[in-house]
Protein backbone atom coordinates (compact mmCIF):
# COMPACT_ATOMS: atom_id res chain seq x y z
CA MET A 1 0.41 269.38 137.19
CA ASN A 2 2.18 272.73 137.24
CA LEU A 3 5.97 272.33 137.08
CA THR A 4 6.90 275.98 137.41
CA VAL A 5 8.65 276.97 140.60
CA GLU A 6 7.86 280.22 142.33
CA ILE A 7 10.98 282.36 142.60
CA ALA A 8 11.14 284.47 145.75
CA LEU A 9 10.66 288.18 145.20
CA ASP A 10 13.96 290.03 145.09
CA GLU A 11 13.63 292.99 147.43
CA GLN A 12 16.15 295.12 145.53
CA VAL A 13 14.45 294.46 142.19
CA GLU A 14 11.13 295.46 143.70
CA LEU A 15 12.71 298.68 144.97
CA CYS A 16 14.01 299.31 141.44
CA ARG A 17 10.47 298.97 140.14
CA GLU A 18 9.51 301.71 142.57
CA GLY A 19 12.30 303.93 141.23
CA ASN A 20 14.70 303.71 144.18
CA LYS A 21 18.07 304.99 142.91
CA GLN A 22 20.10 303.20 145.58
CA ALA A 23 18.44 299.92 144.58
CA PHE A 24 19.47 300.43 140.95
CA TYR A 25 23.02 300.99 142.14
CA ASP A 26 22.95 297.90 144.39
CA VAL A 27 21.50 295.63 141.71
CA TYR A 28 24.05 296.86 139.18
CA HIS A 29 26.96 296.20 141.53
CA ARG A 30 25.59 292.81 142.56
CA TYR A 31 25.48 291.51 138.96
CA ALA A 32 27.87 293.64 136.87
CA LYS A 33 30.96 291.43 137.18
CA ALA A 34 29.09 288.20 136.44
CA MET A 35 27.39 289.78 133.43
CA LEU A 36 30.71 291.12 132.13
CA ASN A 37 32.19 287.62 132.38
CA SER A 38 29.26 286.18 130.44
CA SER A 39 29.58 288.79 127.71
CA MET A 40 33.36 288.30 127.50
CA ARG A 41 32.85 284.58 126.87
CA VAL A 42 30.82 285.44 123.79
CA LEU A 43 32.60 288.54 122.47
CA ASN A 44 36.20 288.02 123.63
CA ASN A 45 36.64 291.81 123.59
CA LEU A 46 36.59 293.80 126.83
CA ALA A 47 35.43 297.13 125.37
CA ASP A 48 32.55 295.52 123.47
CA ALA A 49 31.61 293.43 126.50
CA GLU A 50 31.54 296.49 128.77
CA ASP A 51 29.33 298.38 126.31
CA THR A 52 27.04 295.38 125.91
CA VAL A 53 26.62 294.96 129.67
CA GLN A 54 25.80 298.64 130.10
CA GLU A 55 23.17 298.43 127.36
CA ALA A 56 21.76 295.23 128.87
CA PHE A 57 21.34 296.88 132.28
CA ILE A 58 19.62 299.84 130.68
CA ASP A 59 17.25 297.52 128.81
CA ALA A 60 16.62 295.43 131.92
CA PHE A 61 15.92 298.43 134.13
CA ASN A 62 13.60 299.91 131.49
CA SER A 63 11.78 296.56 131.17
CA LEU A 64 11.37 295.63 134.82
CA ASP A 65 7.60 295.51 134.33
CA LYS A 66 8.16 292.51 132.00
CA PHE A 67 10.15 290.57 134.62
CA THR A 68 7.69 288.09 136.15
CA TYR A 69 9.86 285.90 138.42
CA LYS A 70 9.55 282.83 136.19
CA SER A 71 13.31 282.71 136.71
CA SER A 72 15.69 284.59 138.94
CA PHE A 73 16.52 288.18 138.08
CA GLU A 74 20.12 287.12 137.47
CA ALA A 75 19.07 284.48 134.92
CA TRP A 76 16.76 286.97 133.19
CA LEU A 77 19.51 289.60 133.06
CA ARG A 78 22.09 287.07 131.85
CA ARG A 79 19.78 286.10 128.98
CA ILE A 80 19.57 289.77 127.97
CA VAL A 81 23.37 290.12 128.14
CA ILE A 82 24.00 286.98 126.11
CA ASN A 83 21.41 287.89 123.47
CA LYS A 84 22.91 291.38 123.11
CA SER A 85 26.42 289.90 122.89
CA ILE A 86 25.41 287.44 120.18
CA SER A 87 23.63 290.21 118.26
CA LEU A 88 26.75 292.38 118.37
CA LEU A 89 28.91 289.46 117.26
CA ARG A 90 26.60 288.79 114.31
CA LYS A 91 26.48 292.46 113.39
CA LYS A 92 30.26 292.79 113.38
CA LYS A 93 30.72 289.57 111.43
CA ILE A 94 28.25 290.64 108.75
CA GLN A 95 29.97 294.01 108.34
CA TRP A 96 33.39 292.37 108.18
CA VAL A 97 32.30 289.80 105.60
CA ASP A 98 30.61 292.42 103.44
CA ALA A 99 33.75 294.58 103.31
CA GLU A 100 35.95 291.63 102.41
CA ILE A 101 33.62 290.25 99.75
CA GLY A 102 33.44 293.66 98.10
CA ASN A 103 37.23 293.79 97.76
CA ILE A 104 37.86 290.25 96.49
CA ASN A 105 38.31 289.72 92.79
CA ALA A 106 39.04 286.13 91.74
CA SER A 107 41.05 287.17 88.69
CA ASP A 108 43.40 289.30 90.85
CA SER A 109 44.63 286.39 92.92
CA ALA A 110 45.26 284.23 89.86
CA GLU A 111 47.47 286.78 88.09
CA LEU A 112 50.16 287.66 90.65
CA ASP A 113 53.41 288.75 88.98
CA GLU A 114 56.70 288.55 90.89
CA ASP A 115 58.16 291.42 88.82
CA ASP A 116 55.54 293.73 90.32
CA PHE A 117 56.75 292.82 93.80
CA SER A 118 60.39 293.42 92.85
CA ALA A 119 59.56 296.86 91.45
CA ASP A 120 57.70 297.73 94.65
CA ILE A 121 60.62 296.61 96.80
CA ASP A 122 63.06 298.69 94.79
CA ARG A 123 60.79 301.72 95.06
CA ILE A 124 60.49 301.26 98.83
CA LYS A 125 64.29 300.94 99.22
CA ARG A 126 64.82 304.17 97.24
CA ALA A 127 62.23 305.98 99.37
CA ILE A 128 63.90 304.82 102.60
CA ALA A 129 67.34 305.89 101.29
CA GLY A 130 65.90 309.31 100.44
CA LEU A 131 64.45 309.66 103.93
CA LEU A 132 67.76 308.70 105.51
CA LYS A 133 69.51 311.45 103.54
CA ILE A 134 67.02 313.97 104.86
CA ILE A 135 67.47 312.83 108.46
CA VAL A 136 71.28 312.74 108.37
């Protein structure tokens, strides 16, 4: 028994496969907002989400020959957007963790000296006073 459901051919997607520029425009505008919302849910950053959606559309349009209507075009595109969003999130997290781990030294946090802070505060106050003399 075959449980797969035939998804109706999307006329605009088929026109995209033929290279119709207006169809690319129409498909983009039909799905862009929904894809941006999906990416925002993962990334929580508008600029990154916008970039991710643009890249996902480029990948989808370049891979239309791989789209076989086992799901709707929207579901296929959303999967691309979500996968790209998760990849970006992982990439940024790895870079952030690496930078932090490189700067942490366990002995530094154990040997904090309040006198060092006092000296820094005094130095900052003197610098501000010097700047105020220059301004006035």
